[in-house]
């Protein structure tokens, strides 16, 4: 991806807003993607409730409520942001929308950012609503380390968006996106602490799983709610998240495809 990161200037912001509104309108026409983005993160966590009831979560300083909340937010990263954005990038590329946008004033970074804005906005709004809803319905209470919540959400949203652009570069069509998104989704659900906490895994396996792309965001979010992260653990998770963002952005700059894969 050529071009530099857009500076925060009125002209750049206007272009991003215009592109974001256009992308939101296009997203609203795809009912399947909208349903997946909005409903799946709300429904999937309840499917793991029976398994959580069999775990000794209290021994790890966790509760069913905080674990379900973390799962819902993790599913939001995967479905509302990652999966929907892969579809958006691939569809716009194959329809030559991205190619036409490059002939105008928008930089490459602005095109990718503007396209991602609706999905990222939906993911953020969904996560905040989940926090409020679970606090009321699952009695999770207030977060014990609230200063970690927004950094955790920012890390998860940014990693999911960057990896969506990278996945789109190897995806030939919207239909094949259902296949190319599966590896990251399965690995993240199984190993990033979304389906069940990393804390209940064997130590060696947990150490490996903590290095997965979405693991830092999930760990920071859960730690923000439980207050169970030390300063060193917080720093390690934050540094891992930053590394994943930088690696993904670098890979997108080098590998993102603007021409249809025909």
Protein backbone atom coordinates (compact mmCIF):
# COMPACT_ATOMS: atom_id res chain seq x y z
CA UNK A 1 0.00 0.00 0.00
CA UNK A 2 1.59 3.23 -1.10
CA UNK A 3 1.09 6.63 0.48
CA UNK A 4 1.57 7.79 4.01
CA UNK A 5 -0.72 7.75 7.01
CA UNK A 6 -3.21 10.62 6.59
CA UNK A 7 -2.65 13.64 8.76
CA UNK A 8 -5.53 14.99 10.78
CA UNK A 9 -6.53 17.90 8.56
CA UNK A 10 -10.00 19.24 7.75
CA UNK A 11 -9.78 18.15 4.11
CA UNK A 12 -8.65 14.66 5.09
CA UNK A 13 -11.38 14.36 7.71
CA UNK A 14 -14.03 15.44 5.21
CA UNK A 15 -12.87 12.81 2.75
CA UNK A 16 -12.87 10.14 5.44
CA UNK A 17 -16.38 11.10 6.59
CA UNK A 18 -17.70 11.02 3.04
CA UNK A 19 -16.14 7.63 2.34
CA UNK A 20 -17.34 6.30 5.68
CA UNK A 21 -20.91 7.38 4.99
CA UNK A 22 -20.83 5.79 1.55
CA UNK A 23 -19.46 2.55 2.96
CA UNK A 24 -22.10 2.53 5.71
CA UNK A 25 -24.83 2.83 3.06
CA UNK A 26 -23.34 -0.09 1.12
CA UNK A 27 -23.00 -2.13 4.30
CA UNK A 28 -26.66 -1.57 5.14
CA UNK A 29 -27.70 -3.16 1.85
CA UNK A 30 -26.02 -6.45 2.72
CA UNK A 31 -28.44 -7.92 5.23
CA UNK A 32 -26.45 -11.09 5.72
CA UNK A 33 -23.31 -9.22 6.77
CA UNK A 34 -25.32 -6.86 8.99
CA UNK A 35 -27.03 -9.79 10.75
CA UNK A 36 -23.71 -11.57 11.28
CA UNK A 37 -22.06 -8.42 12.60
CA UNK A 38 -24.87 -7.46 14.98
CA UNK A 39 -26.45 -10.73 16.10
CA UNK A 40 -23.67 -13.33 16.24
CA UNK A 41 -21.59 -11.59 18.97
CA UNK A 42 -24.73 -11.42 21.09
CA UNK A 43 -25.85 -15.02 20.56
CA UNK A 44 -22.63 -17.06 20.50
CA UNK A 45 -21.55 -16.37 24.11
CA UNK A 46 -24.67 -18.08 25.44
CA UNK A 47 -23.72 -21.26 23.56
CA UNK A 48 -20.62 -21.61 25.74
CA UNK A 49 -22.47 -20.99 29.02
CA UNK A 50 -22.89 -24.72 29.85
CA UNK A 51 -19.13 -25.30 29.44
CA UNK A 52 -18.31 -22.31 31.64
CA UNK A 53 -20.57 -23.63 34.38
CA UNK A 54 -18.34 -26.71 34.56
CA UNK A 55 -15.14 -24.69 35.03
CA UNK A 56 -13.68 -23.53 38.32
CA UNK A 57 -13.54 -19.88 37.25
CA UNK A 58 -13.44 -18.59 40.82
CA UNK A 59 -10.01 -20.15 41.28
CA UNK A 60 -8.74 -17.82 38.53
CA UNK A 61 -10.49 -14.77 39.97
CA UNK A 62 -13.15 -14.88 37.24
CA UNK A 63 -16.93 -15.11 37.14
CA UNK A 64 -19.32 -16.43 34.52
CA UNK A 65 -20.52 -12.87 33.90
CA UNK A 66 -17.10 -11.39 33.15
CA UNK A 67 -16.15 -14.41 31.06
CA UNK A 68 -19.32 -14.13 28.95
CA UNK A 69 -18.78 -10.39 28.54
CA UNK A 70 -15.22 -10.92 27.36
CA UNK A 71 -16.41 -13.62 24.95
CA UNK A 72 -19.06 -11.30 23.50
CA UNK A 73 -16.54 -8.50 22.95
CA UNK A 74 -14.09 -10.95 21.37
CA UNK A 75 -16.80 -12.22 19.02
CA UNK A 76 -17.52 -8.59 18.13
CA UNK A 77 -13.87 -8.13 17.08
CA UNK A 78 -14.13 -11.22 14.88
CA UNK A 79 -17.57 -10.86 13.33
CA UNK A 80 -18.50 -7.17 13.45
CA UNK A 81 -15.05 -5.99 12.38
CA UNK A 82 -12.80 -8.69 10.94
CA UNK A 83 -15.23 -10.83 8.92
CA UNK A 84 -17.39 -7.93 7.70
CA UNK A 85 -14.34 -5.90 6.66
CA UNK A 86 -12.82 -8.75 4.67
CA UNK A 87 -16.10 -8.91 2.75
CA UNK A 88 -16.12 -5.13 2.26
CA UNK A 89 -12.54 -4.86 1.01
CA UNK A 90 -12.92 -7.80 -1.37
CA UNK A 91 -16.28 -6.62 -2.71
CA UNK A 92 -15.05 -3.05 -3.31
CA UNK A 93 -11.89 -4.33 -5.00
CA UNK A 94 -13.71 -6.72 -7.33
CA UNK A 95 -16.24 -3.99 -8.22
CA UNK A 96 -13.32 -1.67 -9.09
CA UNK A 97 -14.43 0.80 -6.42
CA UNK A 98 -11.02 0.87 -4.76
CA UNK A 99 -9.28 1.34 -8.10
CA UNK A 100 -11.49 4.31 -8.97
CA UNK A 101 -10.97 5.87 -5.55
CA UNK A 102 -7.20 5.80 -6.07
CA UNK A 103 -7.56 8.12 -9.08
CA UNK A 104 -8.94 10.90 -6.85
CA UNK A 105 -7.60 12.89 -3.92
CA UNK A 106 -7.77 10.06 -1.40
CA UNK A 107 -4.52 8.44 -0.37
CA UNK A 108 -4.27 4.67 -0.06
CA UNK A 109 -4.34 4.89 3.72
CA UNK A 110 -7.44 7.10 3.61
CA UNK A 111 -9.24 4.64 1.33
CA UNK A 112 -8.57 1.70 3.61
CA UNK A 113 -9.35 3.71 6.75
CA UNK A 114 -12.55 5.20 5.38
CA UNK A 115 -13.77 1.79 4.24
CA UNK A 116 -13.10 0.41 7.72
CA UNK A 117 -14.84 3.21 9.65
CA UNK A 118 -18.40 1.77 9.68
CA UNK A 119 -17.30 -1.71 10.80
CA UNK A 120 -14.97 -0.31 13.45
CA UNK A 121 -17.70 2.07 14.65
CA UNK A 122 -20.20 -0.79 14.89
CA UNK A 123 -17.68 -2.90 16.78
CA UNK A 124 -16.95 -0.11 19.27
CA UNK A 125 -20.62 0.72 19.83
CA UNK A 126 -21.46 -2.94 20.24
CA UNK A 127 -18.68 -3.46 22.78
CA UNK A 128 -19.78 -0.46 24.85
CA UNK A 129 -23.41 -1.61 24.79
CA UNK A 130 -22.32 -5.10 25.83
CA UNK A 131 -20.43 -3.62 28.78
CA UNK A 132 -23.51 -1.75 29.93
CA UNK A 133 -25.88 -4.64 29.26
CA UNK A 134 -23.78 -7.28 31.00
CA UNK A 135 -23.23 -5.02 34.00
CA UNK A 136 -26.99 -4.85 34.40
CA UNK A 137 -28.07 -8.36 33.37
CA UNK A 138 -25.13 -10.55 34.40
CA UNK A 139 -24.20 -8.53 37.48
CA UNK A 140 -20.59 -8.09 36.42
CA UNK A 141 -20.37 -4.83 38.31
CA UNK A 142 -18.10 -1.96 37.32
CA UNK A 143 -14.63 -2.62 35.91
CA UNK A 144 -11.95 -2.69 38.59
CA UNK A 145 -9.31 -1.23 36.24
CA UNK A 146 -11.42 0.94 33.90
CA UNK A 147 -8.34 2.62 32.41
CA UNK A 148 -7.62 -0.64 30.54
CA UNK A 149 -11.00 -0.95 28.82
CA UNK A 150 -10.59 1.63 26.05
CA UNK A 151 -6.98 0.62 25.23
CA UNK A 152 -8.16 -2.99 25.04
CA UNK A 153 -11.00 -2.07 22.67
CA UNK A 154 -8.69 0.09 20.56
CA UNK A 155 -6.14 -2.74 20.29
CA UNK A 156 -8.77 -5.29 19.32
CA UNK A 157 -10.44 -3.05 16.74
CA UNK A 158 -7.16 -1.99 15.13
CA UNK A 159 -5.73 -5.51 14.95
CA UNK A 160 -8.99 -6.88 13.53
CA UNK A 161 -9.19 -4.13 10.91
CA UNK A 162 -5.55 -4.46 9.84
CA UNK A 163 -5.77 -8.25 9.59
CA UNK A 164 -8.99 -7.91 7.60
CA UNK A 165 -7.14 -5.86 4.97
CA UNK A 166 -4.33 -8.42 4.94
CA UNK A 167 -6.75 -11.33 4.58
CA UNK A 168 -8.56 -9.50 1.76
CA UNK A 169 -5.30 -9.39 -0.19
CA UNK A 170 -5.30 -13.21 -0.48
CA UNK A 171 -9.06 -13.58 -0.97
CA UNK A 172 -10.23 -13.98 -4.55
CA UNK A 173 -13.96 -13.31 -4.10
CA UNK A 174 -16.61 -12.48 -1.54
CA UNK A 175 -17.67 -16.14 -1.58
CA UNK A 176 -14.15 -17.37 -0.81
CA UNK A 177 -13.95 -14.92 2.11
CA UNK A 178 -16.03 -17.43 4.05
CA UNK A 179 -13.02 -19.76 3.80
CA UNK A 180 -10.07 -17.38 4.11
CA UNK A 181 -11.42 -15.85 7.33
CA UNK A 182 -11.79 -19.21 9.07
CA UNK A 183 -8.17 -19.80 10.20
CA UNK A 184 -7.89 -16.59 12.22
CA UNK A 185 -11.43 -16.95 13.57
CA UNK A 186 -10.95 -20.54 14.73
CA UNK A 187 -7.51 -19.88 16.20
CA UNK A 188 -8.73 -16.76 18.00
CA UNK A 189 -11.85 -18.40 19.38
CA UNK A 190 -9.89 -21.40 20.63
CA UNK A 191 -6.68 -19.78 21.81
CA UNK A 192 -7.14 -16.06 22.45
CA UNK A 193 -9.32 -16.42 25.52
CA UNK A 194 -12.59 -15.69 23.71
CA UNK A 195 -14.40 -19.02 23.98
CA UNK A 196 -12.82 -19.82 27.35
CA UNK A 197 -10.18 -18.05 29.45
CA UNK A 198 -6.50 -18.60 28.75
CA UNK A 199 -6.04 -18.82 32.51
CA UNK A 200 -7.58 -22.31 32.58
CA UNK A 201 -5.09 -23.67 30.01
CA UNK A 202 -1.83 -25.44 30.88
CA UNK A 203 0.95 -22.90 31.45
CA UNK A 204 2.99 -23.72 28.32
CA UNK A 205 -0.05 -23.65 26.05
CA UNK A 206 -1.26 -20.42 27.65
CA UNK A 207 2.14 -18.79 27.06
CA UNK A 208 1.87 -19.57 23.34
CA UNK A 209 -1.77 -18.51 23.06
CA UNK A 210 -1.01 -15.15 24.66
CA UNK A 211 1.02 -14.29 21.54
CA UNK A 212 -1.92 -14.70 19.13
CA UNK A 213 -3.17 -11.52 17.39
CA UNK A 214 -6.29 -10.87 19.48
CA UNK A 215 -4.98 -12.31 22.75
CA UNK A 216 -3.53 -9.00 24.04
CA UNK A 217 -6.81 -7.13 23.52
CA UNK A 218 -8.84 -9.89 25.16
CA UNK A 219 -6.40 -10.12 28.06
CA UNK A 220 -6.40 -6.36 28.62
CA UNK A 221 -10.20 -6.23 28.48
CA UNK A 222 -10.64 -9.07 30.97
CA UNK A 223 -7.94 -7.58 33.19
CA UNK A 224 -9.69 -4.22 33.04
CA UNK A 225 -12.86 -5.80 34.34
CA UNK A 226 -11.33 -8.05 36.99
CA UNK A 227 -8.34 -5.92 37.98
CA UNK A 228 -6.21 -9.05 37.86
CA UNK A 229 -3.35 -7.82 35.66
CA UNK A 230 -0.07 -6.69 37.16
CA UNK A 231 1.85 -3.75 35.72
CA UNK A 232 4.26 -6.14 33.99
CA UNK A 233 1.46 -8.21 32.47
CA UNK A 234 -0.28 -5.06 31.27
CA UNK A 235 2.91 -3.79 29.66
CA UNK A 236 3.57 -7.15 27.99
CA UNK A 237 0.04 -7.38 26.58
CA UNK A 238 0.16 -3.78 25.36
CA UNK A 239 3.55 -4.29 23.68
CA UNK A 240 2.33 -7.49 21.98
CA UNK A 241 -0.73 -5.65 20.64
CA UNK A 242 1.43 -2.82 19.27
CA UNK A 243 3.74 -5.33 17.57
CA UNK A 244 0.80 -7.07 15.89
CA UNK A 245 -0.62 -3.74 14.67
CA UNK A 246 2.74 -2.65 13.24
CA UNK A 247 3.38 -6.03 11.57
CA UNK A 248 -0.12 -6.14 10.07
CA UNK A 249 0.07 -2.56 8.77
CA UNK A 250 3.50 -3.20 7.24
CA UNK A 251 2.21 -6.37 5.56
CA UNK A 252 -0.83 -4.52 4.20
CA UNK A 253 1.38 -1.80 2.75
CA UNK A 254 3.40 -4.45 0.94
CA UNK A 255 0.73 -6.98 -0.02
CA UNK A 256 -2.67 -5.33 -0.38
CA UNK A 257 -4.12 -5.85 -3.86
CA UNK A 258 -6.01 -2.99 -5.53
CA UNK A 259 -6.71 -4.83 -8.79
CA UNK A 260 -9.42 -7.51 -9.08
CA UNK A 261 -8.10 -11.05 -8.67
CA UNK A 262 -9.35 -12.51 -11.95
